[in-house]
mmCIF file of all heavy atoms, coordinates in Angstrom:
data_MODEL
# 
_entry.id   MODEL 
# 
loop_
_atom_site.group_PDB 
_atom_site.id 
_atom_site.type_symbol 
_atom_site.label_atom_id 
_atom_site.label_alt_id 
_atom_site.label_comp_id 
_atom_site.label_asym_id 
_atom_site.label_entity_id 
_atom_site.label_seq_id 
_atom_site.pdbx_PDB_ins_code 
_atom_site.Cartn_x 
_atom_site.Cartn_y 
_atom_site.Cartn_z 
_atom_site.occupancy 
_atom_site.B_iso_or_equiv 
_atom_site.pdbx_formal_charge 
_atom_site.auth_seq_id 
_atom_site.auth_comp_id 
_atom_site.auth_asym_id 
_atom_site.auth_atom_id 
_atom_site.pdbx_PDB_model_num 
ATOM 1   N N   . ALA A 1 1  ? 125.628 69.363 154.056 1.00 0.00 ? 1  ALA A N   1 
ATOM 2   C CA  . ALA A 1 1  ? 125.825 70.605 154.824 1.00 0.00 ? 1  ALA A CA  1 
ATOM 3   C C   . ALA A 1 1  ? 127.257 71.122 154.696 1.00 0.00 ? 1  ALA A C   1 
ATOM 4   O O   . ALA A 1 1  ? 127.538 72.255 155.101 1.00 0.00 ? 1  ALA A O   1 
ATOM 5   C CB  . ALA A 1 1  ? 125.499 70.374 156.290 1.00 0.00 ? 1  ALA A CB  1 
ATOM 6   N N   . GLN A 1 2  ? 128.149 70.336 154.130 1.00 0.00 ? 2  GLN A N   1 
ATOM 7   C CA  . GLN A 1 2  ? 129.547 70.747 154.032 1.00 0.00 ? 2  GLN A CA  1 
ATOM 8   C C   . GLN A 1 2  ? 129.711 72.054 153.278 1.00 0.00 ? 2  GLN A C   1 
ATOM 9   O O   . GLN A 1 2  ? 130.582 72.862 153.594 1.00 0.00 ? 2  GLN A O   1 
ATOM 10  C CB  . GLN A 1 2  ? 130.372 69.662 153.329 1.00 0.00 ? 2  GLN A CB  1 
ATOM 11  C CG  . GLN A 1 2  ? 130.539 68.386 154.133 1.00 0.00 ? 2  GLN A CG  1 
ATOM 12  C CD  . GLN A 1 2  ? 131.418 67.393 153.415 1.00 0.00 ? 2  GLN A CD  1 
ATOM 13  O OE1 . GLN A 1 2  ? 132.637 67.464 153.475 1.00 0.00 ? 2  GLN A OE1 1 
ATOM 14  N NE2 . GLN A 1 2  ? 130.784 66.470 152.713 1.00 0.00 ? 2  GLN A NE2 1 
ATOM 15  N N   . TRP A 1 3  ? 128.853 72.254 152.270 1.00 0.00 ? 3  TRP A N   1 
ATOM 16  C CA  . TRP A 1 3  ? 128.984 73.478 151.475 1.00 0.00 ? 3  TRP A CA  1 
ATOM 17  C C   . TRP A 1 3  ? 127.783 74.406 151.628 1.00 0.00 ? 3  TRP A C   1 
ATOM 18  O O   . TRP A 1 3  ? 127.669 75.405 150.933 1.00 0.00 ? 3  TRP A O   1 
ATOM 19  C CB  . TRP A 1 3  ? 129.195 73.156 149.994 1.00 0.00 ? 3  TRP A CB  1 
ATOM 20  C CG  . TRP A 1 3  ? 128.351 72.015 149.490 1.00 0.00 ? 3  TRP A CG  1 
ATOM 21  C CD1 . TRP A 1 3  ? 127.032 72.018 149.170 1.00 0.00 ? 3  TRP A CD1 1 
ATOM 22  C CD2 . TRP A 1 3  ? 128.810 70.683 149.244 1.00 0.00 ? 3  TRP A CD2 1 
ATOM 23  N NE1 . TRP A 1 3  ? 126.621 70.787 148.755 1.00 0.00 ? 3  TRP A NE1 1 
ATOM 24  C CE2 . TRP A 1 3  ? 127.699 69.947 148.783 1.00 0.00 ? 3  TRP A CE2 1 
ATOM 25  C CE3 . TRP A 1 3  ? 130.048 70.052 149.365 1.00 0.00 ? 3  TRP A CE3 1 
ATOM 26  C CZ2 . TRP A 1 3  ? 127.795 68.592 148.436 1.00 0.00 ? 3  TRP A CZ2 1 
ATOM 27  C CZ3 . TRP A 1 3  ? 130.127 68.723 149.021 1.00 0.00 ? 3  TRP A CZ3 1 
ATOM 28  C CH2 . TRP A 1 3  ? 129.023 68.000 148.573 1.00 0.00 ? 3  TRP A CH2 1 
ATOM 29  N N   . GLY A 1 4  ? 126.871 74.087 152.539 1.00 0.00 ? 4  GLY A N   1 
ATOM 30  C CA  . GLY A 1 4  ? 125.768 75.006 152.849 1.00 0.00 ? 4  GLY A CA  1 
ATOM 31  C C   . GLY A 1 4  ? 124.819 75.209 151.678 1.00 0.00 ? 4  GLY A C   1 
ATOM 32  O O   . GLY A 1 4  ? 124.553 74.295 150.909 1.00 0.00 ? 4  GLY A O   1 
ATOM 33  N N   . GLY A 1 5  ? 124.323 76.430 151.561 1.00 0.00 ? 5  GLY A N   1 
ATOM 34  C CA  . GLY A 1 5  ? 123.413 76.754 150.463 1.00 0.00 ? 5  GLY A CA  1 
ATOM 35  C C   . GLY A 1 5  ? 121.948 76.573 150.786 1.00 0.00 ? 5  GLY A C   1 
ATOM 36  O O   . GLY A 1 5  ? 121.093 76.722 149.908 1.00 0.00 ? 5  GLY A O   1 
ATOM 37  N N   . SER A 1 6  ? 121.623 76.246 152.047 1.00 0.00 ? 6  SER A N   1 
ATOM 38  C CA  . SER A 1 6  ? 120.231 76.023 152.422 1.00 0.00 ? 6  SER A CA  1 
ATOM 39  C C   . SER A 1 6  ? 120.036 76.323 153.900 1.00 0.00 ? 6  SER A C   1 
ATOM 40  O O   . SER A 1 6  ? 120.910 76.036 154.726 1.00 0.00 ? 6  SER A O   1 
ATOM 41  C CB  . SER A 1 6  ? 119.832 74.570 152.151 1.00 0.00 ? 6  SER A CB  1 
ATOM 42  O OG  . SER A 1 6  ? 118.566 74.270 152.722 1.00 0.00 ? 6  SER A OG  1 
ATOM 43  N N   . SER A 1 7  ? 118.868 76.876 154.230 1.00 0.00 ? 7  SER A N   1 
ATOM 44  C CA  . SER A 1 7  ? 118.567 77.119 155.640 1.00 0.00 ? 7  SER A CA  1 
ATOM 45  C C   . SER A 1 7  ? 118.290 75.825 156.391 1.00 0.00 ? 7  SER A C   1 
ATOM 46  O O   . SER A 1 7  ? 118.260 75.813 157.623 1.00 0.00 ? 7  SER A O   1 
ATOM 47  C CB  . SER A 1 7  ? 117.371 78.069 155.774 1.00 0.00 ? 7  SER A CB  1 
ATOM 48  O OG  . SER A 1 7  ? 116.210 77.529 155.156 1.00 0.00 ? 7  SER A OG  1 
ATOM 49  N N   . LEU A 1 8  ? 118.096 74.722 155.682 1.00 0.00 ? 8  LEU A N   1 
ATOM 50  C CA  . LEU A 1 8  ? 117.891 73.430 156.345 1.00 0.00 ? 8  LEU A CA  1 
ATOM 51  C C   . LEU A 1 8  ? 119.198 72.825 156.841 1.00 0.00 ? 8  LEU A C   1 
ATOM 52  O O   . LEU A 1 8  ? 119.195 71.963 157.715 1.00 0.00 ? 8  LEU A O   1 
ATOM 53  C CB  . LEU A 1 8  ? 117.210 72.435 155.394 1.00 0.00 ? 8  LEU A CB  1 
ATOM 54  C CG  . LEU A 1 8  ? 115.709 72.572 155.180 1.00 0.00 ? 8  LEU A CG  1 
ATOM 55  C CD1 . LEU A 1 8  ? 115.199 71.408 154.353 1.00 0.00 ? 8  LEU A CD1 1 
ATOM 56  C CD2 . LEU A 1 8  ? 114.948 72.655 156.491 1.00 0.00 ? 8  LEU A CD2 1 
ATOM 57  N N   . THR A 1 9  ? 120.312 73.278 156.264 1.00 0.00 ? 9  THR A N   1 
ATOM 58  C CA  . THR A 1 9  ? 121.598 72.706 156.647 1.00 0.00 ? 9  THR A CA  1 
ATOM 59  C C   . THR A 1 9  ? 122.549 73.728 157.265 1.00 0.00 ? 9  THR A C   1 
ATOM 60  O O   . THR A 1 9  ? 123.584 73.349 157.813 1.00 0.00 ? 9  THR A O   1 
ATOM 61  C CB  . THR A 1 9  ? 122.296 72.080 155.420 1.00 0.00 ? 9  THR A CB  1 
ATOM 62  O OG1 . THR A 1 9  ? 122.480 73.079 154.409 1.00 0.00 ? 9  THR A OG1 1 
ATOM 63  C CG2 . THR A 1 9  ? 121.467 70.944 154.848 1.00 0.00 ? 9  THR A CG2 1 
ATOM 64  N N   . ASN A 1 10 ? 122.215 75.003 157.190 1.00 0.00 ? 10 ASN A N   1 
ATOM 65  C CA  . ASN A 1 10 ? 123.069 76.064 157.726 1.00 0.00 ? 10 ASN A CA  1 
ATOM 66  C C   . ASN A 1 10 ? 122.416 76.663 158.958 1.00 0.00 ? 10 ASN A C   1 
ATOM 67  O O   . ASN A 1 10 ? 121.394 77.356 158.854 1.00 0.00 ? 10 ASN A O   1 
ATOM 68  C CB  . ASN A 1 10 ? 123.308 77.136 156.666 1.00 0.00 ? 10 ASN A CB  1 
ATOM 69  C CG  . ASN A 1 10 ? 124.338 78.168 157.105 1.00 0.00 ? 10 ASN A CG  1 
ATOM 70  O OD1 . ASN A 1 10 ? 124.666 78.277 158.289 1.00 0.00 ? 10 ASN A OD1 1 
ATOM 71  N ND2 . ASN A 1 10 ? 124.848 78.941 156.152 1.00 0.00 ? 10 ASN A ND2 1 
ATOM 72  N N   . LEU A 1 11 ? 122.981 76.421 160.116 1.00 0.00 ? 11 LEU A N   1 
ATOM 73  C CA  . LEU A 1 11 ? 122.386 76.895 161.364 1.00 0.00 ? 11 LEU A CA  1 
ATOM 74  C C   . LEU A 1 11 ? 122.438 78.407 161.507 1.00 0.00 ? 11 LEU A C   1 
ATOM 75  O O   . LEU A 1 11 ? 121.755 78.976 162.362 1.00 0.00 ? 11 LEU A O   1 
ATOM 76  C CB  . LEU A 1 11 ? 123.098 76.243 162.560 1.00 0.00 ? 11 LEU A CB  1 
ATOM 77  C CG  . LEU A 1 11 ? 122.972 74.722 162.672 1.00 0.00 ? 11 LEU A CG  1 
ATOM 78  C CD1 . LEU A 1 11 ? 123.756 74.218 163.875 1.00 0.00 ? 11 LEU A CD1 1 
ATOM 79  C CD2 . LEU A 1 11 ? 121.508 74.308 162.767 1.00 0.00 ? 11 LEU A CD2 1 
ATOM 80  N N   . ASP A 1 12 ? 123.232 79.079 160.663 1.00 0.00 ? 12 ASP A N   1 
ATOM 81  C CA  . ASP A 1 12 ? 123.317 80.535 160.721 1.00 0.00 ? 12 ASP A CA  1 
ATOM 82  C C   . ASP A 1 12 ? 122.158 81.207 159.988 1.00 0.00 ? 12 ASP A C   1 
ATOM 83  O O   . ASP A 1 12 ? 121.949 82.413 160.113 1.00 0.00 ? 12 ASP A O   1 
ATOM 84  C CB  . ASP A 1 12 ? 124.641 81.021 160.118 1.00 0.00 ? 12 ASP A CB  1 
ATOM 85  C CG  . ASP A 1 12 ? 125.840 80.599 160.959 1.00 0.00 ? 12 ASP A CG  1 
ATOM 86  O OD1 . ASP A 1 12 ? 125.677 80.480 162.193 1.00 0.00 ? 12 ASP A OD1 1 
ATOM 87  O OD2 . ASP A 1 12 ? 126.918 80.387 160.384 1.00 0.00 ? 12 ASP A OD2 1 
ATOM 88  N N   . GLU A 1 13 ? 121.414 80.428 159.210 1.00 0.00 ? 13 GLU A N   1 
ATOM 89  C CA  . GLU A 1 13 ? 120.269 80.968 158.480 1.00 0.00 ? 13 GLU A CA  1 
ATOM 90  C C   . GLU A 1 13 ? 118.980 80.695 159.257 1.00 0.00 ? 13 GLU A C   1 
ATOM 91  O O   . GLU A 1 13 ? 118.868 79.707 159.982 1.00 0.00 ? 13 GLU A O   1 
ATOM 92  C CB  . GLU A 1 13 ? 120.180 80.353 157.083 1.00 0.00 ? 13 GLU A CB  1 
ATOM 93  C CG  . GLU A 1 13 ? 121.340 80.718 156.172 1.00 0.00 ? 13 GLU A CG  1 
ATOM 94  C CD  . GLU A 1 13 ? 121.103 80.242 154.748 1.00 0.00 ? 13 GLU A CD  1 
ATOM 95  O OE1 . GLU A 1 13 ? 119.931 80.182 154.318 1.00 0.00 ? 13 GLU A OE1 1 
ATOM 96  O OE2 . GLU A 1 13 ? 122.102 79.930 154.064 1.00 0.00 ? 13 GLU A OE2 1 
ATOM 97  N N   . THR A 1 14 ? 118.014 81.582 159.073 1.00 0.00 ? 14 THR A N   1 
ATOM 98  C CA  . THR A 1 14 ? 116.718 81.448 159.744 1.00 0.00 ? 14 THR A CA  1 
ATOM 99  C C   . THR A 1 14 ? 115.753 80.690 158.853 1.00 0.00 ? 14 THR A C   1 
ATOM 100 O O   . THR A 1 14 ? 115.627 80.986 157.659 1.00 0.00 ? 14 THR A O   1 
ATOM 101 C CB  . THR A 1 14 ? 116.136 82.833 160.074 1.00 0.00 ? 14 THR A CB  1 
ATOM 102 O OG1 . THR A 1 14 ? 117.063 83.539 160.902 1.00 0.00 ? 14 THR A OG1 1 
ATOM 103 C CG2 . THR A 1 14 ? 114.797 82.689 160.800 1.00 0.00 ? 14 THR A CG2 1 
ATOM 104 N N   . LEU A 1 15 ? 115.074 79.716 159.420 1.00 0.00 ? 15 LEU A N   1 
ATOM 105 C CA  . LEU A 1 15 ? 114.069 78.979 158.656 1.00 0.00 ? 15 LEU A CA  1 
ATOM 106 C C   . LEU A 1 15 ? 112.875 79.872 158.348 1.00 0.00 ? 15 LEU A C   1 
ATOM 107 O O   . LEU A 1 15 ? 112.382 80.576 159.225 1.00 0.00 ? 15 LEU A O   1 
ATOM 108 C CB  . LEU A 1 15 ? 113.599 77.753 159.439 1.00 0.00 ? 15 LEU A CB  1 
ATOM 109 C CG  . LEU A 1 15 ? 114.574 76.583 159.537 1.00 0.00 ? 15 LEU A CG  1 
ATOM 110 C CD1 . LEU A 1 15 ? 114.047 75.544 160.504 1.00 0.00 ? 15 LEU A CD1 1 
ATOM 111 C CD2 . LEU A 1 15 ? 114.811 75.965 158.165 1.00 0.00 ? 15 LEU A CD2 1 
ATOM 112 N N   . PRO A 1 16 ? 112.373 79.853 157.116 1.00 0.00 ? 16 PRO A N   1 
ATOM 113 C CA  . PRO A 1 16 ? 111.191 80.665 156.774 1.00 0.00 ? 16 PRO A CA  1 
ATOM 114 C C   . PRO A 1 16 ? 109.948 80.117 157.459 1.00 0.00 ? 16 PRO A C   1 
ATOM 115 O O   . PRO A 1 16 ? 109.824 78.905 157.664 1.00 0.00 ? 16 PRO A O   1 
ATOM 116 C CB  . PRO A 1 16 ? 111.104 80.531 155.254 1.00 0.00 ? 16 PRO A CB  1 
ATOM 117 C CG  . PRO A 1 16 ? 111.753 79.212 154.959 1.00 0.00 ? 16 PRO A CG  1 
ATOM 118 C CD  . PRO A 1 16 ? 112.853 79.072 155.976 1.00 0.00 ? 16 PRO A CD  1 
ATOM 119 N N   . GLN A 1 17 ? 109.030 81.005 157.798 1.00 0.00 ? 17 GLN A N   1 
ATOM 120 C CA  . GLN A 1 17 ? 107.801 80.609 158.490 1.00 0.00 ? 17 GLN A CA  1 
ATOM 121 C C   . GLN A 1 17 ? 106.559 80.741 157.616 1.00 0.00 ? 17 GLN A C   1 
ATOM 122 O O   . GLN A 1 17 ? 105.489 80.275 157.985 1.00 0.00 ? 17 GLN A O   1 
ATOM 123 C CB  . GLN A 1 17 ? 107.624 81.466 159.749 1.00 0.00 ? 17 GLN A CB  1 
ATOM 124 C CG  . GLN A 1 17 ? 108.786 81.369 160.738 1.00 0.00 ? 17 GLN A CG  1 
ATOM 125 C CD  . GLN A 1 17 ? 108.983 79.962 161.262 1.00 0.00 ? 17 GLN A CD  1 
ATOM 126 O OE1 . GLN A 1 17 ? 108.028 79.249 161.557 1.00 0.00 ? 17 GLN A OE1 1 
ATOM 127 N NE2 . GLN A 1 17 ? 110.248 79.542 161.377 1.00 0.00 ? 17 GLN A NE2 1 
ATOM 128 N N   . ALA A 1 18 ? 106.695 81.361 156.441 1.00 0.00 ? 18 ALA A N   1 
ATOM 129 C CA  . ALA A 1 18 ? 105.518 81.678 155.626 1.00 0.00 ? 18 ALA A CA  1 
ATOM 130 C C   . ALA A 1 18 ? 105.170 80.591 154.625 1.00 0.00 ? 18 ALA A C   1 
ATOM 131 O O   . ALA A 1 18 ? 104.167 80.695 153.922 1.00 0.00 ? 18 ALA A O   1 
ATOM 132 C CB  . ALA A 1 18 ? 105.747 82.998 154.884 1.00 0.00 ? 18 ALA A CB  1 
ATOM 133 N N   . GLY A 1 19 ? 105.981 79.525 154.535 1.00 0.00 ? 19 GLY A N   1 
ATOM 134 C CA  . GLY A 1 19 ? 105.692 78.467 153.584 1.00 0.00 ? 19 GLY A CA  1 
ATOM 135 C C   . GLY A 1 19 ? 106.192 78.820 152.193 1.00 0.00 ? 19 GLY A C   1 
ATOM 136 O O   . GLY A 1 19 ? 106.854 79.832 151.976 1.00 0.00 ? 19 GLY A O   1 
ATOM 137 N N   . VAL A 1 20 ? 105.849 77.961 151.218 1.00 0.00 ? 20 VAL A N   1 
ATOM 138 C CA  . VAL A 1 20 ? 106.297 78.152 149.847 1.00 0.00 ? 20 VAL A CA  1 
ATOM 139 C C   . VAL A 1 20 ? 105.569 79.320 149.211 1.00 0.00 ? 20 VAL A C   1 
ATOM 140 O O   . VAL A 1 20 ? 104.339 79.396 149.248 1.00 0.00 ? 20 VAL A O   1 
ATOM 141 C CB  . VAL A 1 20 ? 106.070 76.868 149.019 1.00 0.00 ? 20 VAL A CB  1 
ATOM 142 C CG1 . VAL A 1 20 ? 106.448 77.089 147.562 1.00 0.00 ? 20 VAL A CG1 1 
ATOM 143 C CG2 . VAL A 1 20 ? 106.874 75.708 149.603 1.00 0.00 ? 20 VAL A CG2 1 
ATOM 144 N N   . GLN A 1 21 ? 106.333 80.254 148.615 1.00 0.00 ? 21 GLN A N   1 
ATOM 145 C CA  . GLN A 1 21 ? 105.761 81.411 147.941 1.00 0.00 ? 21 GLN A CA  1 
ATOM 146 C C   . GLN A 1 21 ? 105.779 81.183 146.432 1.00 0.00 ? 21 GLN A C   1 
ATOM 147 O O   . GLN A 1 21 ? 106.740 80.611 145.896 1.00 0.00 ? 21 GLN A O   1 
ATOM 148 C CB  . GLN A 1 21 ? 106.565 82.669 148.286 1.00 0.00 ? 21 GLN A CB  1 
ATOM 149 C CG  . GLN A 1 21 ? 106.658 82.956 149.775 1.00 0.00 ? 21 GLN A CG  1 
ATOM 150 C CD  . GLN A 1 21 ? 105.296 83.194 150.404 1.00 0.00 ? 21 GLN A CD  1 
ATOM 151 O OE1 . GLN A 1 21 ? 104.480 83.957 149.885 1.00 0.00 ? 21 GLN A OE1 1 
ATOM 152 N NE2 . GLN A 1 21 ? 105.046 82.531 151.524 1.00 0.00 ? 21 GLN A NE2 1 
ATOM 153 N N   . PRO A 1 22 ? 104.730 81.618 145.735 1.00 0.00 ? 22 PRO A N   1 
ATOM 154 C CA  . PRO A 1 22 ? 104.676 81.422 144.278 1.00 0.00 ? 22 PRO A CA  1 
ATOM 155 C C   . PRO A 1 22 ? 105.882 82.043 143.577 1.00 0.00 ? 22 PRO A C   1 
ATOM 156 O O   . PRO A 1 22 ? 106.310 83.145 143.915 1.00 0.00 ? 22 PRO A O   1 
ATOM 157 C CB  . PRO A 1 22 ? 103.377 82.127 143.880 1.00 0.00 ? 22 PRO A CB  1 
ATOM 158 C CG  . PRO A 1 22 ? 102.557 82.151 145.127 1.00 0.00 ? 22 PRO A CG  1 
ATOM 159 C CD  . PRO A 1 22 ? 103.537 82.295 146.260 1.00 0.00 ? 22 PRO A CD  1 
ATOM 160 N N   . HIS A 1 23 ? 106.432 81.316 142.601 1.00 0.00 ? 23 HIS A N   1 
ATOM 161 C CA  . HIS A 1 23 ? 107.514 81.809 141.746 1.00 0.00 ? 23 HIS A CA  1 
ATOM 162 C C   . HIS A 1 23 ? 108.763 82.189 142.533 1.00 0.00 ? 23 HIS A C   1 
ATOM 163 O O   . HIS A 1 23 ? 109.521 83.066 142.114 1.00 0.00 ? 23 HIS A O   1 
ATOM 164 C CB  . HIS A 1 23 ? 107.033 83.005 140.911 1.00 0.00 ? 23 HIS A CB  1 
ATOM 165 C CG  . HIS A 1 23 ? 105.725 82.783 140.234 1.00 0.00 ? 23 HIS A CG  1 
ATOM 166 N ND1 . HIS A 1 23 ? 105.540 81.811 139.267 1.00 0.00 ? 23 HIS A ND1 1 
ATOM 167 C CD2 . HIS A 1 23 ? 104.514 83.388 140.415 1.00 0.00 ? 23 HIS A CD2 1 
ATOM 168 C CE1 . HIS A 1 23 ? 104.275 81.834 138.864 1.00 0.00 ? 23 HIS A CE1 1 
ATOM 169 N NE2 . HIS A 1 23 ? 103.638 82.768 139.543 1.00 0.00 ? 23 HIS A NE2 1 
ATOM 170 N N   . GLN A 1 24 ? 108.982 81.533 143.655 1.00 0.00 ? 24 GLN A N   1 
ATOM 171 C CA  . GLN A 1 24 ? 110.152 81.831 144.467 1.00 0.00 ? 24 GLN A CA  1 
ATOM 172 C C   . GLN A 1 24 ? 110.710 80.532 145.044 1.00 0.00 ? 24 GLN A C   1 
ATOM 173 O O   . GLN A 1 24 ? 109.998 79.782 145.712 1.00 0.00 ? 24 GLN A O   1 
ATOM 174 C CB  . GLN A 1 24 ? 109.789 82.800 145.596 1.00 0.00 ? 24 GLN A CB  1 
ATOM 175 C CG  . GLN A 1 24 ? 110.960 83.151 146.502 1.00 0.00 ? 24 GLN A CG  1 
ATOM 176 C CD  . GLN A 1 24 ? 110.558 84.128 147.608 1.00 0.00 ? 24 GLN A CD  1 
ATOM 177 O OE1 . GLN A 1 24 ? 109.540 84.812 147.501 1.00 0.00 ? 24 GLN A OE1 1 
ATOM 178 N NE2 . GLN A 1 24 ? 111.338 84.172 148.658 1.00 0.00 ? 24 GLN A NE2 1 
ATOM 179 N N   . ILE A 1 25 ? 111.975 80.264 144.778 1.00 0.00 ? 25 ILE A N   1 
ATOM 180 C CA  . ILE A 1 25 ? 112.609 79.082 145.342 1.00 0.00 ? 25 ILE A CA  1 
ATOM 181 C C   . ILE A 1 25 ? 112.960 79.388 146.793 1.00 0.00 ? 25 ILE A C   1 
ATOM 182 O O   . ILE A 1 25 ? 113.710 80.326 147.069 1.00 0.00 ? 25 ILE A O   1 
ATOM 183 C CB  . ILE A 1 25 ? 113.870 78.707 144.556 1.00 0.00 ? 25 ILE A CB  1 
ATOM 184 C CG1 . ILE A 1 25 ? 113.492 78.336 143.119 1.00 0.00 ? 25 ILE A CG1 1 
ATOM 185 C CG2 . ILE A 1 25 ? 114.591 77.532 145.231 1.00 0.00 ? 25 ILE A CG2 1 
ATOM 186 C CD1 . ILE A 1 25 ? 114.679 78.028 142.231 1.00 0.00 ? 25 ILE A CD1 1 
ATOM 187 N N   . PRO A 1 26 ? 112.421 78.655 147.745 1.00 0.00 ? 26 PRO A N   1 
ATOM 188 C CA  . PRO A 1 26 ? 112.616 78.978 149.165 1.00 0.00 ? 26 PRO A CA  1 
ATOM 189 C C   . PRO A 1 26 ? 114.028 78.671 149.641 1.00 0.00 ? 26 PRO A C   1 
ATOM 190 O O   . PRO A 1 26 ? 114.755 77.876 149.031 1.00 0.00 ? 26 PRO A O   1 
ATOM 191 C CB  . PRO A 1 26 ? 111.587 78.089 149.868 1.00 0.00 ? 26 PRO A CB  1 
ATOM 192 C CG  . PRO A 1 26 ? 111.400 76.940 148.940 1.00 0.00 ? 26 PRO A CG  1 
ATOM 193 C CD  . PRO A 1 26 ? 111.539 77.492 147.554 1.00 0.00 ? 26 PRO A CD  1 
ATOM 194 N N   . SER A 1 27 ? 114.397 79.284 150.749 1.00 0.00 ? 27 SER A N   1 
ATOM 195 C CA  . SER A 1 27 ? 115.735 79.072 151.309 1.00 0.00 ? 27 SER A CA  1 
ATOM 196 C C   . SER A 1 27 ? 115.923 77.652 151.823 1.00 0.00 ? 27 SER A C   1 
ATOM 197 O O   . SER A 1 27 ? 117.049 77.216 152.056 1.00 0.00 ? 27 SER A O   1 
ATOM 198 C CB  . SER A 1 27 ? 115.998 80.071 152.442 1.00 0.00 ? 27 SER A CB  1 
ATOM 199 O OG  . SER A 1 27 ? 115.176 79.779 153.569 1.00 0.00 ? 27 SER A OG  1 
ATOM 200 N N   . THR A 1 28 ? 114.825 76.912 151.996 1.00 0.00 ? 28 THR A N   1 
ATOM 201 C CA  . THR A 1 28 ? 114.912 75.524 152.453 1.00 0.00 ? 28 THR A CA  1 
ATOM 202 C C   . THR A 1 28 ? 115.284 74.558 151.329 1.00 0.00 ? 28 THR A C   1 
ATOM 203 O O   . THR A 1 28 ? 115.506 73.365 151.594 1.00 0.00 ? 28 THR A O   1 
ATOM 204 C CB  . THR A 1 28 ? 113.579 75.084 153.074 1.00 0.00 ? 28 THR A CB  1 
ATOM 205 O OG1 . THR A 1 28 ? 112.518 75.385 152.162 1.00 0.00 ? 28 THR A OG1 1 
ATOM 206 C CG2 . THR A 1 28 ? 113.341 75.788 154.395 1.00 0.00 ? 28 THR A CG2 1 
ATOM 207 N N   . TYR A 1 29 ? 115.341 75.059 150.113 1.00 0.00 ? 29 TYR A N   1 
ATOM 208 C CA  . TYR A 1 29 ? 115.818 74.222 149.001 1.00 0.00 ? 29 TYR A CA  1 
ATOM 209 C C   . TYR A 1 29 ? 117.272 73.838 149.263 1.00 0.00 ? 29 TYR A C   1 
ATOM 210 O O   . TYR A 1 29 ? 118.123 74.693 149.518 1.00 0.00 ? 29 TYR A O   1 
ATOM 211 C CB  . TYR A 1 29 ? 115.693 74.978 147.676 1.00 0.00 ? 29 TYR A CB  1 
ATOM 212 C CG  . TYR A 1 29 ? 116.485 74.372 146.540 1.00 0.00 ? 29 TYR A CG  1 
ATOM 213 C CD1 . TYR A 1 29 ? 116.093 73.160 145.971 1.00 0.00 ? 29 TYR A CD1 1 
ATOM 214 C CD2 . TYR A 1 29 ? 117.629 75.000 146.054 1.00 0.00 ? 29 TYR A CD2 1 
ATOM 215 C CE1 . TYR A 1 29 ? 116.821 72.597 144.937 1.00 0.00 ? 29 TYR A CE1 1 
ATOM 216 C CE2 . TYR A 1 29 ? 118.362 74.441 145.022 1.00 0.00 ? 29 TYR A CE2 1 
ATOM 217 C CZ  . TYR A 1 29 ? 117.953 73.241 144.466 1.00 0.00 ? 29 TYR A CZ  1 
ATOM 218 O OH  . TYR A 1 29 ? 118.675 72.680 143.447 1.00 0.00 ? 29 TYR A OH  1 
ATOM 219 N N   . VAL A 1 30 ? 117.554 72.530 149.211 1.00 0.00 ? 30 VAL A N   1 
ATOM 220 C CA  . VAL A 1 30 ? 118.918 72.031 149.418 1.00 0.00 ? 30 VAL A CA  1 
ATOM 221 C C   . VAL A 1 30 ? 119.503 71.684 148.053 1.00 0.00 ? 30 VAL A C   1 
ATOM 222 O O   . VAL A 1 30 ? 118.985 70.790 147.369 1.00 0.00 ? 30 VAL A O   1 
ATOM 223 C CB  . VAL A 1 30 ? 118.932 70.786 150.328 1.00 0.00 ? 30 VAL A CB  1 
ATOM 224 C CG1 . VAL A 1 30 ? 120.350 70.269 150.509 1.00 0.00 ? 30 VAL A CG1 1 
ATOM 225 C CG2 . VAL A 1 30 ? 118.299 71.105 151.682 1.00 0.00 ? 30 VAL A CG2 1 
# 
């Protein structure tokens, strides 16, 4: 979490609710 880059480690980002979308790397990727 020191350098962020993911909604799983950055509390300022919103976690996605729609699940994994085809051909799209989700924001929860760390």
